[in-house]
Amino acid sequence: MSCVCRADSIRPVPQAEEVCEWEWVEPAALQSSVGQTPFAFSPWLVDQMNQWGDRYGFETSVR
């Protein structure tokens, strides 16, 4: 499962038993990565990005 949030002043501390790995990325970098390799991400993340519209200041369609 993918969880996406936007935060400017906090650093997430995921629970080890729930998250095997995570990376802090800029929204545009995430959009680019998901757009180029959607198979490498959870289907939920791909769907979320398609639903965001322009809320995050960039085109989010990855299909």
PDB file of N, CA and C in Angstrom:
ATOM      1  N   MET A   1       0.841  -1.167   0.000  1.00  0.00           N
ATOM      2  CA  MET A   1       0.000   0.000   0.000  1.00  0.00           C
ATOM      3  C   MET A   1       0.887   1.231   0.000  1.00  0.00           C
ATOM      4  N   SER A   2       0.456   2.227  -0.680  1.00  0.00           N
ATOM      5  CA  SER A   2       1.187   3.484  -0.721  1.00  0.00           C
ATOM      6  C   SER A   2       0.413   4.545   0.041  1.00  0.00           C
ATOM      7  N   CYS A   3       1.134   5.342   0.743  1.00  0.00           N
ATOM      8  CA  CYS A   3       0.521   6.471   1.426  1.00  0.00           C
ATOM      9  C   CYS A   3       1.275   7.713   0.979  1.00  0.00           C
ATOM     10  N   VAL A   4       0.547   8.706   0.595  1.00  0.00           N
ATOM     11  CA  VAL A   4       1.168   9.923   0.112  1.00  0.00           C
ATOM     12  C   VAL A   4       0.665  11.082   0.947  1.00  0.00           C
ATOM     13  N   CYS A   5       1.577  11.924   1.367  1.00  0.00           N
ATOM     14  CA  CYS A   5       1.170  13.125   2.086  1.00  0.00           C
ATOM     15  C   CYS A   5       2.097  14.259   1.676  1.00  0.00           C
ATOM     16  N   ARG A   6       1.638  15.445   1.923  1.00  0.00           N
ATOM     17  CA  ARG A   6       2.461  16.611   1.656  1.00  0.00           C
ATOM     18  C   ARG A   6       2.645  17.340   2.975  1.00  0.00           C
ATOM     19  N   ALA A   7       3.883  17.522   3.359  1.00  0.00           N
ATOM     20  CA  ALA A   7       4.190  18.172   4.630  1.00  0.00           C
ATOM     21  C   ALA A   7       5.456  18.994   4.466  1.00  0.00           C
ATOM     22  N   ASP A   8       5.462  20.150   5.075  1.00  0.00           N
ATOM     23  CA  ASP A   8       6.624  21.021   4.962  1.00  0.00           C
ATOM     24  C   ASP A   8       7.493  21.023   6.211  1.00  0.00           C
ATOM     25  N   SER A   9       6.927  20.633   7.348  1.00  0.00           N
ATOM     26  CA  SER A   9       7.696  20.790   8.572  1.00  0.00           C
ATOM     27  C   SER A   9       7.761  19.530   9.428  1.00  0.00           C
ATOM     28  N   ILE A  10       7.300  18.404   8.922  1.00  0.00           N
ATOM     29  CA  ILE A  10       7.375  17.180   9.706  1.00  0.00           C
ATOM     30  C   ILE A  10       8.121  16.110   8.925  1.00  0.00           C
ATOM     31  N   ARG A  11       8.692  15.196   9.635  1.00  0.00           N
ATOM     32  CA  ARG A  11       9.348  14.045   9.008  1.00  0.00           C
ATOM     33  C   ARG A  11       8.599  12.811   9.487  1.00  0.00           C
ATOM     34  N   PRO A  12       8.068  12.030   8.564  1.00  0.00           N
ATOM     35  CA  PRO A  12       7.303  10.854   8.965  1.00  0.00           C
ATOM     36  C   PRO A  12       8.163   9.821   9.679  1.00  0.00           C
ATOM     37  N   VAL A  13       7.554   9.114  10.591  1.00  0.00           N
ATOM     38  CA  VAL A  13       8.215   8.029  11.307  1.00  0.00           C
ATOM     39  C   VAL A  13       7.303   6.803  11.191  1.00  0.00           C
ATOM     40  N   PRO A  14       7.422   6.079  10.065  1.00  0.00           N
ATOM     41  CA  PRO A  14       6.542   4.925   9.870  1.00  0.00           C
ATOM     42  C   PRO A  14       6.881   3.789  10.836  1.00  0.00           C
ATOM     43  N   GLN A  15       5.876   2.978  11.141  1.00  0.00           N
ATOM     44  CA  GLN A  15       6.081   1.829  12.010  1.00  0.00           C
ATOM     45  C   GLN A  15       6.697   0.695  11.199  1.00  0.00           C
ATOM     46  N   ALA A  16       7.790   0.162  11.694  1.00  0.00           N
ATOM     47  CA  ALA A  16       8.571  -0.839  10.967  1.00  0.00           C
ATOM     48  C   ALA A  16       7.743  -2.064  10.574  1.00  0.00           C
ATOM     49  N   GLU A  17       6.791  -2.447  11.388  1.00  0.00           N
ATOM     50  CA  GLU A  17       5.992  -3.633  11.059  1.00  0.00           C
ATOM     51  C   GLU A  17       4.963  -3.358   9.956  1.00  0.00           C
ATOM     52  N   GLU A  18       4.770  -2.087   9.601  1.00  0.00           N
ATOM     53  CA  GLU A  18       3.813  -1.730   8.565  1.00  0.00           C
ATOM     54  C   GLU A  18       4.467  -1.259   7.269  1.00  0.00           C
ATOM     55  N   VAL A  19       5.727  -0.836   7.328  1.00  0.00           N
ATOM     56  CA  VAL A  19       6.392  -0.238   6.168  1.00  0.00           C
ATOM     57  C   VAL A  19       7.756  -0.888   5.985  1.00  0.00           C
ATOM     58  N   CYS A  20       7.990  -1.439   4.788  1.00  0.00           N
ATOM     59  CA  CYS A  20       9.296  -2.064   4.560  1.00  0.00           C
ATOM     60  C   CYS A  20      10.323  -1.033   4.072  1.00  0.00           C
ATOM     61  N   GLU A  21       9.876  -0.016   3.337  1.00  0.00           N
ATOM     62  CA  GLU A  21      10.778   1.047   2.906  1.00  0.00           C
ATOM     63  C   GLU A  21       9.962   2.264   2.489  1.00  0.00           C
ATOM     64  N   TRP A  22      10.583   3.419   2.572  1.00  0.00           N
ATOM     65  CA  TRP A  22       9.928   4.647   2.143  1.00  0.00           C
ATOM     66  C   TRP A  22      10.993   5.641   1.727  1.00  0.00           C
ATOM     67  N   GLU A  23      10.552   6.623   0.978  1.00  0.00           N
ATOM     68  CA  GLU A  23      11.471   7.647   0.503  1.00  0.00           C
ATOM     69  C   GLU A  23      10.725   8.974   0.436  1.00  0.00           C
ATOM     70  N   TRP A  24      11.368  10.034   0.869  1.00  0.00           N
ATOM     71  CA  TRP A  24      10.800  11.373   0.824  1.00  0.00           C
ATOM     72  C   TRP A  24      11.160  11.971  -0.528  1.00  0.00           C
ATOM     73  N   VAL A  25      10.168  12.330  -1.350  1.00  0.00           N
ATOM     74  CA  VAL A  25      10.441  12.861  -2.687  1.00  0.00           C
ATOM     75  C   VAL A  25       9.590  14.086  -2.964  1.00  0.00           C
ATOM     76  N   GLU A  26      10.060  14.884  -3.888  1.00  0.00           N
ATOM     77  CA  GLU A  26       9.284  16.031  -4.350  1.00  0.00           C
ATOM     78  C   GLU A  26       8.105  15.517  -5.188  1.00  0.00           C
ATOM     79  N   PRO A  27       6.961  16.190  -5.131  1.00  0.00           N
ATOM     80  CA  PRO A  27       5.795  15.735  -5.899  1.00  0.00           C
ATOM     81  C   PRO A  27       6.074  15.537  -7.389  1.00  0.00           C
ATOM     82  N   ALA A  28       6.825  16.429  -7.997  1.00  0.00           N
ATOM     83  CA  ALA A  28       7.114  16.303  -9.427  1.00  0.00           C
ATOM     84  C   ALA A  28       7.956  15.055  -9.711  1.00  0.00           C
ATOM     85  N   ALA A  29       8.867  14.712  -8.817  1.00  0.00           N
ATOM     86  CA  ALA A  29       9.681  13.508  -8.993  1.00  0.00           C
ATOM     87  C   ALA A  29       8.820  12.254  -8.865  1.00  0.00           C
ATOM     88  N   LEU A  30       7.881  12.268  -7.938  1.00  0.00           N
ATOM     89  CA  LEU A  30       6.965  11.141  -7.787  1.00  0.00           C
ATOM     90  C   LEU A  30       6.110  10.982  -9.033  1.00  0.00           C
ATOM     91  N   GLN A  31       5.584  12.083  -9.516  1.00  0.00           N
ATOM     92  CA  GLN A  31       4.749  12.052 -10.718  1.00  0.00           C
ATOM     93  C   GLN A  31       5.529  11.489 -11.895  1.00  0.00           C
ATOM     94  N   SER A  32       6.762  11.898 -12.057  1.00  0.00           N
ATOM     95  CA  SER A  32       7.594  11.416 -13.146  1.00  0.00           C
ATOM     96  C   SER A  32       7.869   9.921 -13.011  1.00  0.00           C
ATOM     97  N   SER A  33       8.235   9.483 -11.818  1.00  0.00           N
ATOM     98  CA  SER A  33       8.534   8.066 -11.598  1.00  0.00           C
ATOM     99  C   SER A  33       7.320   7.183 -11.830  1.00  0.00           C
ATOM    100  N   VAL A  34       6.188   7.588 -11.288  1.00  0.00           N
ATOM    101  CA  VAL A  34       4.966   6.794 -11.471  1.00  0.00           C
ATOM    102  C   VAL A  34       4.544   6.802 -12.937  1.00  0.00           C
ATOM    103  N   GLY A  35       4.715   7.923 -13.604  1.00  0.00           N
ATOM    104  CA  GLY A  35       4.363   8.005 -15.013  1.00  0.00           C
ATOM    105  C   GLY A  35       5.222   7.108 -15.888  1.00  0.00           C
ATOM    106  N   GLN A  36       6.494   6.969 -15.534  1.00  0.00           N
ATOM    107  CA  GLN A  36       7.411   6.164 -16.343  1.00  0.00           C
ATOM    108  C   GLN A  36       7.361   4.681 -16.002  1.00  0.00           C
ATOM    109  N   THR A  37       7.113   4.373 -14.730  1.00  0.00           N
ATOM    110  CA  THR A  37       7.114   2.967 -14.304  1.00  0.00           C
ATOM    111  C   THR A  37       5.961   2.685 -13.338  1.00  0.00           C
ATOM    112  N   PRO A  38       4.714   2.815 -13.777  1.00  0.00           N
ATOM    113  CA  PRO A  38       3.586   2.608 -12.867  1.00  0.00           C
ATOM    114  C   PRO A  38       3.546   1.197 -12.274  1.00  0.00           C
ATOM    115  N   PHE A  39       4.112   0.231 -12.967  1.00  0.00           N
ATOM    116  CA  PHE A  39       4.137  -1.149 -12.475  1.00  0.00           C
ATOM    117  C   PHE A  39       5.001  -1.318 -11.228  1.00  0.00           C
ATOM    118  N   ALA A  40       5.882  -0.356 -10.955  1.00  0.00           N
ATOM    119  CA  ALA A  40       6.773  -0.444  -9.798  1.00  0.00           C
ATOM    120  C   ALA A  40       6.121   0.084  -8.522  1.00  0.00           C
ATOM    121  N   PHE A  41       4.917   0.625  -8.641  1.00  0.00           N
ATOM    122  CA  PHE A  41       4.213   1.213  -7.506  1.00  0.00           C
ATOM    123  C   PHE A  41       2.911   0.473  -7.269  1.00  0.00           C
ATOM    124  N   SER A  42       2.359   0.665  -6.103  1.00  0.00           N
ATOM    125  CA  SER A  42       1.082   0.008  -5.813  1.00  0.00           C
ATOM    126  C   SER A  42      -0.006   0.564  -6.728  1.00  0.00           C
ATOM    127  N   PRO A  43      -0.986  -0.255  -7.064  1.00  0.00           N
ATOM    128  CA  PRO A  43      -2.098   0.239  -7.882  1.00  0.00           C
ATOM    129  C   PRO A  43      -2.824   1.401  -7.206  1.00  0.00           C
ATOM    130  N   TRP A  44      -2.814   1.407  -5.871  1.00  0.00           N
ATOM    131  CA  TRP A  44      -3.493   2.479  -5.135  1.00  0.00           C
ATOM    132  C   TRP A  44      -2.807   3.821  -5.361  1.00  0.00           C
ATOM    133  N   LEU A  45      -1.493   3.824  -5.400  1.00  0.00           N
ATOM    134  CA  LEU A  45      -0.777   5.080  -5.634  1.00  0.00           C
ATOM    135  C   LEU A  45      -1.065   5.608  -7.036  1.00  0.00           C
ATOM    136  N   VAL A  46      -1.038   4.722  -8.023  1.00  0.00           N
ATOM    137  CA  VAL A  46      -1.324   5.144  -9.391  1.00  0.00           C
ATOM    138  C   VAL A  46      -2.728   5.735  -9.470  1.00  0.00           C
ATOM    139  N   ASP A  47      -3.704   5.072  -8.847  1.00  0.00           N
ATOM    140  CA  ASP A  47      -5.080   5.585  -8.836  1.00  0.00           C
ATOM    141  C   ASP A  47      -5.176   6.928  -8.114  1.00  0.00           C
ATOM    142  N   GLN A  48      -4.478   7.051  -6.974  1.00  0.00           N
ATOM    143  CA  GLN A  48      -4.506   8.315  -6.234  1.00  0.00           C
ATOM    144  C   GLN A  48      -3.965   9.455  -7.083  1.00  0.00           C
ATOM    145  N   MET A  49      -2.886   9.223  -7.755  1.00  0.00           N
ATOM    146  CA  MET A  49      -2.289  10.286  -8.557  1.00  0.00           C
ATOM    147  C   MET A  49      -3.226  10.722  -9.676  1.00  0.00           C
ATOM    148  N   ASN A  50      -3.951   9.777 -10.250  1.00  0.00           N
ATOM    149  CA  ASN A  50      -4.910  10.117 -11.296  1.00  0.00           C
ATOM    150  C   ASN A  50      -6.087  10.909 -10.755  1.00  0.00           C
ATOM    151  N   GLN A  51      -6.385  10.772  -9.476  1.00  0.00           N
ATOM    152  CA  GLN A  51      -7.515  11.467  -8.867  1.00  0.00           C
ATOM    153  C   GLN A  51      -7.144  12.843  -8.309  1.00  0.00           C
ATOM    154  N   TRP A  52      -5.864  13.126  -8.136  1.00  0.00           N
ATOM    155  CA  TRP A  52      -5.452  14.377  -7.502  1.00  0.00           C
ATOM    156  C   TRP A  52      -5.716  15.620  -8.338  1.00  0.00           C
ATOM    157  N   GLY A  53      -5.777  15.452  -9.650  1.00  0.00           N
ATOM    158  CA  GLY A  53      -5.945  16.637 -10.485  1.00  0.00           C
ATOM    159  C   GLY A  53      -4.774  17.580 -10.312  1.00  0.00           C
ATOM    160  N   ASP A  54      -5.041  18.865 -10.205  1.00  0.00           N
ATOM    161  CA  ASP A  54      -3.944  19.837 -10.084  1.00  0.00           C
ATOM    162  C   ASP A  54      -3.736  20.312  -8.650  1.00  0.00           C
ATOM    163  N   ARG A  55      -4.223  19.574  -7.673  1.00  0.00           N
ATOM    164  CA  ARG A  55      -4.072  19.966  -6.265  1.00  0.00           C
ATOM    165  C   ARG A  55      -2.631  20.190  -5.843  1.00  0.00           C
ATOM    166  N   TYR A  56      -1.702  19.507  -6.477  1.00  0.00           N
ATOM    167  CA  TYR A  56      -0.308  19.596  -6.056  1.00  0.00           C
ATOM    168  C   TYR A  56       0.550  20.411  -7.005  1.00  0.00           C
ATOM    169  N   GLY A  57      -0.072  21.158  -7.886  1.00  0.00           N
ATOM    170  CA  GLY A  57       0.657  22.085  -8.713  1.00  0.00           C
ATOM    171  C   GLY A  57       1.313  21.500  -9.950  1.00  0.00           C
ATOM    172  N   PHE A  58       0.894  20.313 -10.360  1.00  0.00           N
ATOM    173  CA  PHE A  58       1.416  19.728 -11.586  1.00  0.00           C
ATOM    174  C   PHE A  58       0.403  18.754 -12.138  1.00  0.00           C
ATOM    175  N   GLU A  59       0.550  18.416 -13.390  1.00  0.00           N
ATOM    176  CA  GLU A  59      -0.327  17.451 -14.028  1.00  0.00           C
ATOM    177  C   GLU A  59      -0.045  16.068 -13.427  1.00  0.00           C
ATOM    178  N   THR A  60      -1.080  15.385 -12.937  1.00  0.00           N
ATOM    179  CA  THR A  60      -0.854  14.131 -12.230  1.00  0.00           C
ATOM    180  C   THR A  60      -1.254  12.891 -13.006  1.00  0.00           C
ATOM    181  N   SER A  61      -1.786  13.037 -14.199  1.00  0.00           N
ATOM    182  CA  SER A  61      -2.216  11.854 -14.932  1.00  0.00           C
ATOM    183  C   SER A  61      -1.027  10.980 -15.276  1.00  0.00           C
ATOM    184  N   VAL A  62      -1.102   9.715 -14.913  1.00  0.00           N
ATOM    185  CA  VAL A  62      -0.020   8.784 -15.193  1.00  0.00           C
ATOM    186  C   VAL A  62      -0.455   7.674 -16.143  1.00  0.00           C
ATOM    187  N   ARG A  63      -1.634   7.770 -16.685  1.00  0.00           N
ATOM    188  CA  ARG A  63      -2.118   6.734 -17.618  1.00  0.00           C
ATOM    189  C   ARG A  63      -2.072   7.239 -19.016  1.00  0.00           C
TER     190      ARG A  63
END
